[in-house]
Amino acid sequence: MILVIFMGTLLVLLGCFIGMYLFDSPAAGITIAAVVWIIMTLVSYFGGDGILLSFAGARKIKKEDCPRLFDVVEEMKIAAGLPAIPDVYIIDDSALNAFATGRDPQKASVAITSGLLQKLNRDELQGVISHETAHIKNQDVLLMSMAAVLLGTIVTLSYQFSRIMFYSGRSSSRRSSSSNSGSAGAIVVIIGLVFIILAPIFANLLYYAISRRREYLADASGALYTRYPEGLASALEKLGASTVQVRAATQTTAPMYIVNPFRKAGQTATDWTSTHPPISERVRILLAMGGASYLDYEKAYEMTKRGENVIPDSALSFSAAVPIRLPSVEGTLADADASVVGEYPDLTTRTRETQDLLFSMDNYKQVNCQCGALLRIPPRYGAPTVRCPHCGTFNNIK
């Protein structure tokens, strides 16, 4: 709340300087800033999730398209106590990443890349989905949308106002100087110019600080929902080892992802310009947990961060002991008492299933040749038959 208030203060000050420069009235500039912010907030609240998913190239899927992914999403919905199952989206991208969006727990979505669906085993996938579900449960999706709108408003006003100053230049300066007693008006203009340049930078830093803070809480909540912190830790290690960047990510949407989508090889340190805490630090905290409760995460966090705290006292006061469950076995799905309750595909099978899902999403037809080969026919292929490249048989396309 404090960080968002700081961002709001920046917006008010920006409007004040715009009003003083253009209209000799701070109130007029603040009004303009407020109107722009309200319009952008309404657009974000009612359609922001759709815009973000569209920019990311995410496509909605149904349960029959990928049952194993939906099973995990439904499990985490129940564990988190969400009122509705989030919509599930797939991004055709070999990068390993995911994000959640939506305005509230009743209307939310989870989007994951095809690379993540392919590479992660069940415990790791459950860890990532639990983290994104936590963002929905903790209403981080709404918080980050509000912060993004504030940031966007500040950047937009700063950019447009700088262009006005550049092109209107001297006439505006003379008007400002005459109405503000010469040198005093010039000083105000100089201060305003400096602030116009620095406001977007400060707003970005605040935006990133909000993102970093909420990532820790989402990790803690994810460990609680799965009762297996090591699953999320292992997933983060795999995500951290991959240097493939998300193609559709932008600087504004980067904090929405579970890890920085622009992370490069060897990039481990964090600073004010980081959108996420260091992956190695997040992994150490999760692996240091003696249980799966908020209190266990807080203890591990304080031990790693040397005395700092991240979990609100209100959450710690209701934190009961939660034991860590046994891990699942690759190829099988084990419950808490280690009994096998179902199968989970290995990497080879996951790769084939993910490829089949992507081909299905692109409306490819499948033809089974008599030699056992599976032929995938693109939707624009117009011939009634297709020749098998393995045995030479011509197969009819239904």
Protein backbone atom coordinates (compact mmCIF):
# COMPACT_ATOMS: atom_id res chain seq x y z
CA MET A 1 0.00 0.00 0.00
CA ILE A 2 2.84 2.36 0.85
CA LEU A 3 4.54 1.74 -2.49
CA VAL A 4 1.30 2.29 -4.42
CA ILE A 5 0.71 5.53 -2.48
CA PHE A 6 4.19 6.68 -3.49
CA MET A 7 3.34 5.98 -7.13
CA GLY A 8 0.09 7.93 -6.75
CA THR A 9 2.01 10.83 -5.23
CA LEU A 10 4.33 10.87 -8.24
CA LEU A 11 1.30 11.08 -10.52
CA VAL A 12 -0.16 14.00 -8.56
CA LEU A 13 3.15 15.90 -8.60
CA LEU A 14 3.51 15.23 -12.32
CA GLY A 15 0.03 16.63 -12.92
CA CYS A 16 0.86 19.63 -10.75
CA PHE A 17 3.93 20.53 -12.85
CA ILE A 18 2.02 20.00 -16.10
CA GLY A 19 -0.73 22.34 -14.90
CA MET A 20 1.74 25.01 -13.77
CA TYR A 21 3.57 24.93 -17.10
CA LEU A 22 0.63 24.77 -19.51
CA PHE A 23 -2.23 26.45 -17.65
CA ASP A 24 -0.63 28.34 -14.75
CA SER A 25 -2.91 26.19 -12.59
CA PRO A 26 -1.70 23.08 -10.71
CA ALA A 27 -5.32 21.97 -10.25
CA ALA A 28 -5.86 21.81 -14.02
CA GLY A 29 -2.86 19.53 -14.48
CA ILE A 30 -3.90 17.29 -11.60
CA THR A 31 -7.37 17.03 -13.15
CA ILE A 32 -5.91 15.98 -16.49
CA ALA A 33 -3.71 13.36 -14.79
CA ALA A 34 -6.70 12.05 -12.82
CA VAL A 35 -8.88 11.77 -15.94
CA VAL A 36 -6.18 9.87 -17.86
CA TRP A 37 -5.63 7.57 -14.88
CA ILE A 38 -9.37 6.86 -14.47
CA ILE A 39 -9.77 6.03 -18.17
CA MET A 40 -6.77 3.71 -18.15
CA THR A 41 -7.97 2.09 -14.90
CA LEU A 42 -11.41 1.35 -16.35
CA VAL A 43 -9.87 -0.13 -19.49
CA SER A 44 -7.50 -2.24 -17.39
CA TYR A 45 -10.20 -3.40 -14.96
CA PHE A 46 -12.70 -4.52 -17.58
CA GLY A 47 -10.38 -5.64 -20.37
CA GLY A 48 -6.81 -5.60 -19.11
CA ASP A 49 -6.54 -9.37 -18.71
CA GLY A 50 -7.68 -9.95 -22.28
CA ILE A 51 -5.21 -7.37 -23.57
CA LEU A 52 -2.34 -8.93 -21.62
CA LEU A 53 -3.20 -12.46 -22.78
CA SER A 54 -3.48 -11.24 -26.38
CA PHE A 55 -0.09 -9.50 -26.24
CA ALA A 56 1.44 -12.68 -24.79
CA GLY A 57 0.03 -14.78 -27.64
CA ALA A 58 -1.87 -16.95 -25.15
CA ARG A 59 -4.67 -19.20 -26.37
CA LYS A 60 -7.39 -20.65 -24.18
CA ILE A 61 -7.70 -24.42 -23.93
CA LYS A 62 -10.30 -26.80 -22.55
CA LYS A 63 -9.89 -29.69 -20.15
CA GLU A 64 -10.06 -32.28 -22.93
CA ASP A 65 -7.12 -30.55 -24.64
CA CYS A 66 -4.74 -31.20 -21.71
CA PRO A 67 -6.33 -33.14 -18.82
CA ARG A 68 -3.16 -33.41 -16.75
CA LEU A 69 -2.68 -29.64 -16.68
CA PHE A 70 -6.31 -29.05 -15.74
CA ASP A 71 -6.06 -31.64 -12.96
CA VAL A 72 -3.22 -29.65 -11.39
CA VAL A 73 -5.08 -26.34 -11.81
CA GLU A 74 -8.20 -27.81 -10.17
CA GLU A 75 -6.14 -29.19 -7.29
CA MET A 76 -4.60 -25.81 -6.61
CA LYS A 77 -7.99 -24.10 -6.90
CA ILE A 78 -9.27 -26.36 -4.13
CA ALA A 79 -6.13 -25.95 -2.00
CA ALA A 80 -6.28 -22.15 -2.25
CA GLY A 81 -10.04 -21.98 -1.73
CA LEU A 82 -10.71 -20.03 -4.92
CA PRO A 83 -14.40 -19.57 -5.80
CA ALA A 84 -13.83 -20.58 -9.44
CA ILE A 85 -11.33 -22.48 -11.54
CA PRO A 86 -9.07 -20.04 -13.43
CA ASP A 87 -9.18 -20.17 -17.21
CA VAL A 88 -6.14 -21.95 -18.63
CA TYR A 89 -4.09 -20.56 -21.51
CA ILE A 90 -1.11 -21.93 -23.44
CA ILE A 91 1.63 -19.76 -24.98
CA ASP A 92 3.45 -21.40 -27.88
CA ASP A 93 6.95 -20.54 -26.70
CA SER A 94 9.92 -22.76 -25.84
CA ALA A 95 10.83 -20.49 -22.92
CA LEU A 96 9.94 -21.74 -19.43
CA ASN A 97 7.60 -19.26 -17.79
CA ALA A 98 4.06 -18.58 -16.60
CA PHE A 99 1.86 -15.78 -15.28
CA ALA A 100 -1.59 -15.16 -13.81
CA THR A 101 -3.95 -12.33 -14.63
CA GLY A 102 -7.49 -11.19 -13.89
CA ARG A 103 -9.29 -8.60 -11.80
CA ASP A 104 -10.42 -10.90 -8.94
CA PRO A 105 -10.53 -14.59 -7.90
CA GLN A 106 -13.89 -14.99 -9.66
CA LYS A 107 -12.44 -13.95 -13.01
CA ALA A 108 -8.84 -15.00 -13.36
CA SER A 109 -6.59 -16.83 -15.80
CA VAL A 110 -3.36 -18.80 -15.68
CA ALA A 111 -1.09 -18.87 -18.72
CA ILE A 112 1.93 -21.16 -19.14
CA THR A 113 4.37 -21.62 -21.99
CA SER A 114 4.50 -24.84 -23.97
CA GLY A 115 8.14 -25.20 -22.96
CA LEU A 116 7.18 -25.23 -19.30
CA LEU A 117 4.40 -27.78 -19.87
CA GLN A 118 6.88 -30.02 -21.64
CA LYS A 119 9.89 -29.76 -19.32
CA LEU A 120 8.40 -29.90 -15.82
CA ASN A 121 7.38 -33.05 -13.99
CA ARG A 122 4.20 -33.13 -11.94
CA ASP A 123 5.60 -31.77 -8.66
CA GLU A 124 7.34 -28.95 -10.52
CA LEU A 125 4.26 -28.10 -12.59
CA GLN A 126 2.17 -28.16 -9.42
CA GLY A 127 4.67 -25.79 -7.80
CA VAL A 128 4.41 -23.27 -10.66
CA ILE A 129 0.61 -23.46 -10.80
CA SER A 130 0.42 -23.07 -7.00
CA HIS A 131 2.57 -19.93 -7.24
CA GLU A 132 0.31 -18.41 -9.89
CA THR A 133 -2.80 -19.48 -7.98
CA ALA A 134 -1.35 -17.69 -4.95
CA HIS A 135 -1.10 -14.48 -6.97
CA ILE A 136 -4.83 -14.81 -7.67
CA LYS A 137 -5.74 -15.70 -4.09
CA ASN A 138 -3.62 -12.89 -2.64
CA GLN A 139 -5.11 -10.49 -5.24
CA ASP A 140 -1.67 -9.66 -6.57
CA VAL A 141 -3.12 -9.68 -10.09
CA LEU A 142 -5.32 -6.72 -9.13
CA LEU A 143 -2.51 -4.99 -7.23
CA MET A 144 -0.07 -5.31 -10.12
CA SER A 145 -2.74 -4.14 -12.57
CA MET A 146 -3.27 -1.01 -10.46
CA ALA A 147 0.48 -0.41 -10.26
CA ALA A 148 0.88 -1.00 -14.00
CA VAL A 149 -1.88 1.53 -14.75
CA LEU A 150 -0.22 4.12 -12.50
CA LEU A 151 3.10 3.43 -14.20
CA GLY A 152 1.53 3.63 -17.65
CA THR A 153 -0.20 6.91 -16.81
CA ILE A 154 3.01 8.47 -15.52
CA VAL A 155 5.02 7.32 -18.54
CA THR A 156 2.34 8.45 -21.01
CA LEU A 157 1.93 11.90 -19.44
CA SER A 158 5.68 12.40 -19.16
CA TYR A 159 6.24 11.44 -22.79
CA GLN A 160 3.43 13.59 -24.17
CA PHE A 161 4.31 16.56 -21.99
CA SER A 162 7.98 16.38 -22.99
CA ARG A 163 6.92 16.53 -26.66
CA ILE A 164 4.69 19.54 -25.92
CA MET A 165 7.59 21.29 -24.18
CA PHE A 166 9.94 20.50 -27.04
CA TYR A 167 7.66 21.79 -29.80
CA SER A 168 6.00 24.69 -27.94
CA GLY A 169 9.26 25.63 -26.22
CA ARG A 170 9.89 29.34 -26.14
CA SER A 171 6.32 30.63 -26.28
CA SER A 172 5.35 28.48 -23.34
CA SER A 173 8.50 29.48 -21.49
CA ARG A 174 7.76 33.18 -22.01
CA ARG A 175 4.18 32.72 -20.90
CA SER A 176 5.31 30.83 -17.82
CA SER A 177 8.02 33.34 -17.03
CA SER A 178 5.75 36.37 -17.30
CA SER A 179 3.12 34.86 -15.06
CA ASN A 180 5.59 33.67 -12.47
CA SER A 181 7.77 36.75 -12.13
CA GLY A 182 10.63 35.95 -14.46
CA SER A 183 13.38 33.99 -12.73
CA ALA A 184 11.01 32.27 -10.30
CA GLY A 185 9.01 30.92 -13.21
CA ALA A 186 12.18 29.75 -14.95
CA ILE A 187 13.22 27.85 -11.83
CA VAL A 188 9.82 26.15 -11.69
CA VAL A 189 10.17 25.16 -15.34
CA ILE A 190 13.64 23.69 -14.74
CA ILE A 191 12.40 21.74 -11.70
CA GLY A 192 9.44 20.53 -13.72
CA LEU A 193 11.72 19.40 -16.54
CA VAL A 194 13.91 17.41 -14.16
CA PHE A 195 10.85 15.86 -12.54
CA ILE A 196 9.34 14.95 -15.94
CA ILE A 197 12.53 13.03 -16.71
CA LEU A 198 12.86 11.35 -13.31
CA ALA A 199 9.17 10.53 -12.63
CA PRO A 200 8.98 7.51 -14.99
CA ILE A 201 12.27 6.18 -13.58
CA PHE A 202 11.05 6.44 -9.99
CA ALA A 203 7.69 4.92 -10.96
CA ASN A 204 9.46 1.96 -12.58
CA LEU A 205 11.56 1.37 -9.47
CA LEU A 206 8.44 1.39 -7.28
CA TYR A 207 6.65 -0.94 -9.68
CA TYR A 208 9.54 -3.41 -9.56
CA ALA A 209 9.70 -3.19 -5.75
CA ILE A 210 6.03 -4.14 -5.49
CA SER A 211 6.63 -7.11 -7.79
CA ARG A 212 9.65 -8.38 -5.83
CA ARG A 213 7.77 -8.16 -2.53
CA ARG A 214 4.77 -10.12 -3.76
CA GLU A 215 6.89 -12.88 -5.31
CA TYR A 216 8.07 -13.99 -1.87
CA LEU A 217 4.51 -14.21 -0.57
CA ALA A 218 3.41 -16.18 -3.64
CA ASP A 219 6.26 -18.66 -3.06
CA ALA A 220 5.17 -19.08 0.56
CA SER A 221 1.53 -19.57 -0.42
CA GLY A 222 2.50 -22.01 -3.17
CA ALA A 223 4.48 -24.13 -0.72
CA LEU A 224 1.46 -24.18 1.58
CA TYR A 225 -0.97 -25.24 -1.16
CA THR A 226 1.19 -28.10 -2.45
CA ARG A 227 2.68 -29.12 0.92
CA TYR A 228 5.89 -29.72 -1.03
CA PRO A 229 8.21 -26.67 -1.20
CA GLU A 230 10.87 -28.66 -3.07
CA GLY A 231 8.57 -28.97 -6.09
CA LEU A 232 8.49 -25.19 -6.59
CA ALA A 233 12.21 -24.95 -5.77
CA SER A 234 13.04 -27.56 -8.42
CA ALA A 235 10.85 -25.76 -10.96
CA LEU A 236 12.58 -22.45 -10.24
CA GLU A 237 15.96 -24.11 -10.74
CA LYS A 238 14.89 -25.37 -14.15
CA LEU A 239 13.47 -21.97 -15.06
CA GLY A 240 16.66 -20.32 -13.87
CA ALA A 241 18.86 -22.69 -15.89
CA SER A 242 16.99 -21.84 -19.10
CA THR A 243 18.17 -18.67 -20.83
CA VAL A 244 15.45 -18.71 -23.51
CA GLN A 245 13.58 -15.42 -23.25
CA VAL A 246 9.81 -15.07 -23.67
CA ARG A 247 9.29 -13.56 -27.10
CA ALA A 248 6.13 -11.59 -26.37
CA ALA A 249 7.15 -10.17 -22.97
CA THR A 250 7.61 -6.43 -22.43
CA GLN A 251 9.16 -4.34 -19.66
CA THR A 252 5.67 -3.55 -18.35
CA THR A 253 4.45 -7.16 -18.32
CA ALA A 254 7.74 -8.67 -17.06
CA PRO A 255 6.79 -8.46 -13.34
CA MET A 256 3.69 -10.60 -14.07
CA TYR A 257 5.79 -13.68 -14.90
CA ILE A 258 7.04 -16.18 -12.31
CA VAL A 259 10.66 -15.37 -13.26
CA ASN A 260 12.15 -12.48 -15.20
CA PRO A 261 11.38 -13.25 -18.88
CA PHE A 262 14.47 -11.26 -19.94
CA ARG A 263 16.90 -13.07 -17.65
CA LYS A 264 20.29 -13.76 -19.19
CA ALA A 265 22.94 -16.36 -18.45
CA GLY A 266 24.83 -15.65 -15.25
CA GLN A 267 22.34 -13.01 -14.10
CA THR A 268 21.82 -13.82 -10.43
CA ALA A 269 22.20 -10.57 -8.50
CA THR A 270 19.25 -8.34 -7.71
CA ASP A 271 19.02 -4.58 -7.48
CA TRP A 272 16.42 -1.82 -7.61
CA THR A 273 15.87 -2.41 -11.33
CA SER A 274 15.11 -6.14 -10.93
CA THR A 275 11.55 -7.32 -11.49
CA HIS A 276 12.06 -10.44 -9.35
CA PRO A 277 14.15 -11.57 -6.39
CA PRO A 278 17.19 -13.73 -7.27
CA ILE A 279 16.11 -17.25 -8.19
CA SER A 280 18.93 -18.75 -6.12
CA GLU A 281 17.66 -16.89 -3.06
CA ARG A 282 14.07 -18.04 -3.59
CA VAL A 283 15.28 -21.63 -3.95
CA ARG A 284 17.37 -21.45 -0.76
CA ILE A 285 14.38 -20.20 1.23
CA LEU A 286 12.10 -22.96 -0.06
CA LEU A 287 14.65 -25.71 0.58
CA ALA A 288 15.29 -24.40 4.10
CA MET A 289 11.64 -24.82 5.12
CA GLY A 290 11.08 -27.39 7.85
CA GLY A 291 7.37 -27.57 7.04
CA ALA A 292 4.95 -26.14 4.50
CA SER A 293 3.29 -23.43 6.61
CA TYR A 294 3.63 -19.64 6.43
CA LEU A 295 5.52 -19.74 9.72
CA ASP A 296 8.05 -22.20 8.23
CA TYR A 297 8.56 -19.93 5.24
CA GLU A 298 8.96 -16.88 7.48
CA LYS A 299 11.63 -18.63 9.55
CA ALA A 300 13.52 -19.71 6.40
CA TYR A 301 13.18 -16.20 4.97
CA GLU A 302 14.50 -14.50 8.10
CA MET A 303 17.41 -16.93 8.21
CA THR A 304 18.29 -16.19 4.58
CA LYS A 305 17.61 -12.44 4.67
CA ARG A 306 19.12 -11.92 8.14
CA GLY A 307 16.25 -10.66 10.22
CA GLU A 308 13.87 -9.23 7.63
CA ASN A 309 10.28 -10.43 7.46
CA VAL A 310 7.91 -10.89 4.53
CA ILE A 311 4.75 -12.65 5.78
CA PRO A 312 2.13 -10.33 7.34
CA ASP A 313 1.54 -10.82 11.06
CA SER A 314 -2.14 -11.45 10.36
CA ALA A 315 -1.20 -14.51 8.29
CA LEU A 316 1.36 -15.77 10.81
CA SER A 317 -1.16 -15.59 13.65
CA PHE A 318 -3.32 -18.19 11.89
CA SER A 319 -0.42 -20.33 10.66
CA ALA A 320 -0.75 -23.93 11.84
CA ALA A 321 1.81 -26.70 11.40
CA VAL A 322 1.68 -28.25 7.91
CA PRO A 323 3.91 -31.29 7.27
CA ILE A 324 5.75 -31.70 3.98
CA ARG A 325 4.34 -34.54 1.85
CA LEU A 326 6.32 -37.18 0.00
CA PRO A 327 7.44 -36.42 -3.57
CA SER A 328 5.78 -37.91 -6.62
CA VAL A 329 7.74 -40.44 -8.67
CA GLU A 330 8.39 -39.80 -12.36
CA GLY A 331 5.89 -41.87 -14.30
CA THR A 332 3.58 -42.28 -11.27
CA LEU A 333 1.50 -40.06 -9.06
CA ALA A 334 1.90 -40.74 -5.33
CA ASP A 335 -0.29 -39.33 -2.59
CA ALA A 336 0.80 -38.43 0.95
CA ASP A 337 1.08 -42.06 2.12
CA ALA A 338 3.11 -43.03 -0.98
CA SER A 339 0.38 -45.17 -2.54
CA VAL A 340 0.20 -44.94 -6.32
CA VAL A 341 -3.05 -43.32 -7.41
CA GLY A 342 -2.35 -42.70 -11.10
CA GLU A 343 0.27 -42.27 -13.77
CA TYR A 344 2.10 -39.16 -14.84
CA PRO A 345 3.96 -39.09 -18.17
CA ASP A 346 7.74 -38.94 -18.44
CA LEU A 347 9.61 -36.31 -20.46
CA THR A 348 9.29 -38.15 -23.79
CA THR A 349 5.54 -38.57 -23.39
CA ARG A 350 5.12 -34.98 -22.18
CA THR A 351 6.98 -33.73 -25.24
CA ARG A 352 4.74 -35.69 -27.58
CA GLU A 353 1.57 -34.58 -25.76
CA THR A 354 2.64 -30.94 -25.84
CA GLN A 355 3.38 -31.11 -29.56
CA ASP A 356 0.02 -32.76 -30.21
CA LEU A 357 -1.68 -29.99 -28.21
CA LEU A 358 0.02 -27.25 -30.24
CA PHE A 359 -0.83 -28.93 -33.55
CA SER A 360 -4.44 -29.30 -32.42
CA MET A 361 -4.59 -25.62 -31.44
CA ASP A 362 -3.37 -24.75 -34.96
CA ASN A 363 -6.15 -26.93 -36.49
CA TYR A 364 -3.82 -29.56 -37.94
CA LYS A 365 -5.50 -32.79 -39.05
CA GLN A 366 -4.05 -36.18 -38.09
CA VAL A 367 -3.83 -39.15 -40.43
CA ASN A 368 -2.72 -42.57 -39.22
CA CYS A 369 -0.84 -44.39 -41.95
CA GLN A 370 -0.96 -48.20 -42.19
CA CYS A 371 2.79 -48.30 -41.48
CA GLY A 372 2.18 -46.76 -38.06
CA ALA A 373 3.32 -43.24 -38.89
CA LEU A 374 1.23 -40.30 -37.66
CA LEU A 375 0.93 -37.63 -40.34
CA ARG A 376 0.00 -34.06 -39.38
CA ILE A 377 -1.70 -32.12 -42.14
CA PRO A 378 -1.69 -28.30 -42.02
CA PRO A 379 -5.12 -26.64 -42.34
CA ARG A 380 -4.22 -24.99 -45.69
CA TYR A 381 -3.35 -28.30 -47.35
CA GLY A 382 -5.99 -28.64 -50.09
CA ALA A 383 -5.34 -32.07 -51.67
CA PRO A 384 -7.69 -34.99 -50.82
CA THR A 385 -4.78 -37.39 -50.17
CA VAL A 386 -1.31 -37.21 -48.66
CA ARG A 387 1.69 -39.44 -49.34
CA CYS A 388 3.41 -41.01 -46.35
CA PRO A 389 7.13 -40.14 -46.41
CA HIS A 390 7.99 -43.45 -44.70
CA CYS A 391 6.22 -46.09 -46.82
CA GLY A 392 4.97 -44.10 -49.81
CA THR A 393 1.29 -44.96 -49.25
CA PHE A 394 -1.29 -42.38 -50.28
CA ASN A 395 -3.74 -41.76 -47.45
CA ASN A 396 -7.15 -40.14 -47.72
CA ILE A 397 -7.69 -37.02 -45.65
CA LYS A 398 -11.06 -36.93 -43.92
